[in-house]
Amino acid sequence: MKLINKAGKEIKEGDVLTSFSGEKARFISGTPPHKPGSSGRVYVEEIEMTGKGRREYFPTVYALEWVE
């Protein structure tokens, strides 16, 4: 599976994402859904908090989705 944005572009490590609330973060990695009905997760490092470790979010926070 791959992670894409609304425009259909595949998201790669290091890409800068913008959340629905306008906060910027750098994409680290993700975990695809493990069963139907699951959305998976994305792991990011918030730009303003560089070096503070990664954060885990649902892909919808960044308008992303997993596709086959």
Protein backbone atom coordinates (compact mmCIF):
# COMPACT_ATOMS: atom_id res chain seq x y z
CA MET A 1 0.00 0.00 0.00
CA LYS A 2 1.01 3.59 -0.51
CA LEU A 3 0.00 6.83 1.16
CA ILE A 4 -1.38 9.59 -1.08
CA ASN A 5 -2.68 13.13 -0.65
CA LYS A 6 -5.92 14.60 -2.12
CA ALA A 7 -4.17 15.34 -5.42
CA GLY A 8 -3.11 11.68 -5.73
CA LYS A 9 0.60 12.36 -5.09
CA GLU A 10 2.41 9.65 -3.19
CA ILE A 11 3.83 10.80 0.15
CA LYS A 12 7.50 10.06 0.77
CA GLU A 13 9.74 10.33 3.84
CA GLY A 14 10.72 13.96 4.43
CA ASP A 15 7.68 15.48 2.70
CA VAL A 16 6.19 18.45 4.53
CA LEU A 17 2.52 18.02 5.37
CA THR A 18 -0.06 20.54 6.58
CA SER A 19 -2.74 19.46 9.04
CA PHE A 20 -6.37 20.52 8.86
CA SER A 21 -5.53 23.17 11.48
CA GLY A 22 -2.62 24.57 9.43
CA GLU A 23 0.27 23.08 11.42
CA LYS A 24 3.28 21.89 9.42
CA ALA A 25 5.01 18.54 9.99
CA ARG A 26 7.63 16.41 8.26
CA PHE A 27 6.48 12.90 7.27
CA ILE A 28 8.59 10.13 8.83
CA SER A 29 6.66 6.93 8.09
CA GLY A 30 3.29 5.27 8.29
CA THR A 31 1.48 2.05 9.09
CA PRO A 32 -1.22 0.94 6.63
CA PRO A 33 -4.58 -0.31 7.90
CA HIS A 34 -4.38 -3.80 9.39
CA LYS A 35 -8.06 -4.66 8.88
CA PRO A 36 -11.15 -3.32 7.10
CA GLY A 37 -12.48 -0.23 8.81
CA SER A 38 -9.05 0.80 10.09
CA SER A 39 -7.38 3.95 8.71
CA GLY A 40 -3.78 3.15 9.62
CA ARG A 41 -1.45 5.75 11.09
CA VAL A 42 1.11 8.34 10.01
CA TYR A 43 4.19 9.33 11.98
CA VAL A 44 5.45 12.88 11.71
CA GLU A 45 7.87 15.30 13.32
CA GLU A 46 6.25 18.67 13.86
CA ILE A 47 8.35 21.39 12.24
CA GLU A 48 8.25 23.71 15.27
CA MET A 49 9.28 20.81 17.52
CA THR A 50 12.21 19.37 15.52
CA GLY A 51 14.21 16.98 17.65
CA LYS A 52 11.32 16.31 20.05
CA GLY A 53 10.51 12.91 18.58
CA ARG A 54 7.73 11.66 16.43
CA ARG A 55 3.98 12.03 16.78
CA GLU A 56 1.32 9.56 15.65
CA TYR A 57 -1.86 10.67 13.87
CA PHE A 58 -4.70 9.34 11.76
CA PRO A 59 -4.00 10.02 8.06
CA THR A 60 -7.12 12.21 7.83
CA VAL A 61 -5.44 14.84 10.02
CA TYR A 62 -3.27 15.58 6.96
CA ALA A 63 -5.92 14.74 4.31
CA LEU A 64 -4.08 11.52 3.38
CA GLU A 65 -5.28 8.03 2.58
CA TRP A 66 -3.81 4.58 2.04
CA VAL A 67 -4.41 2.98 -1.39
CA GLU A 68 -3.43 -0.35 -2.94
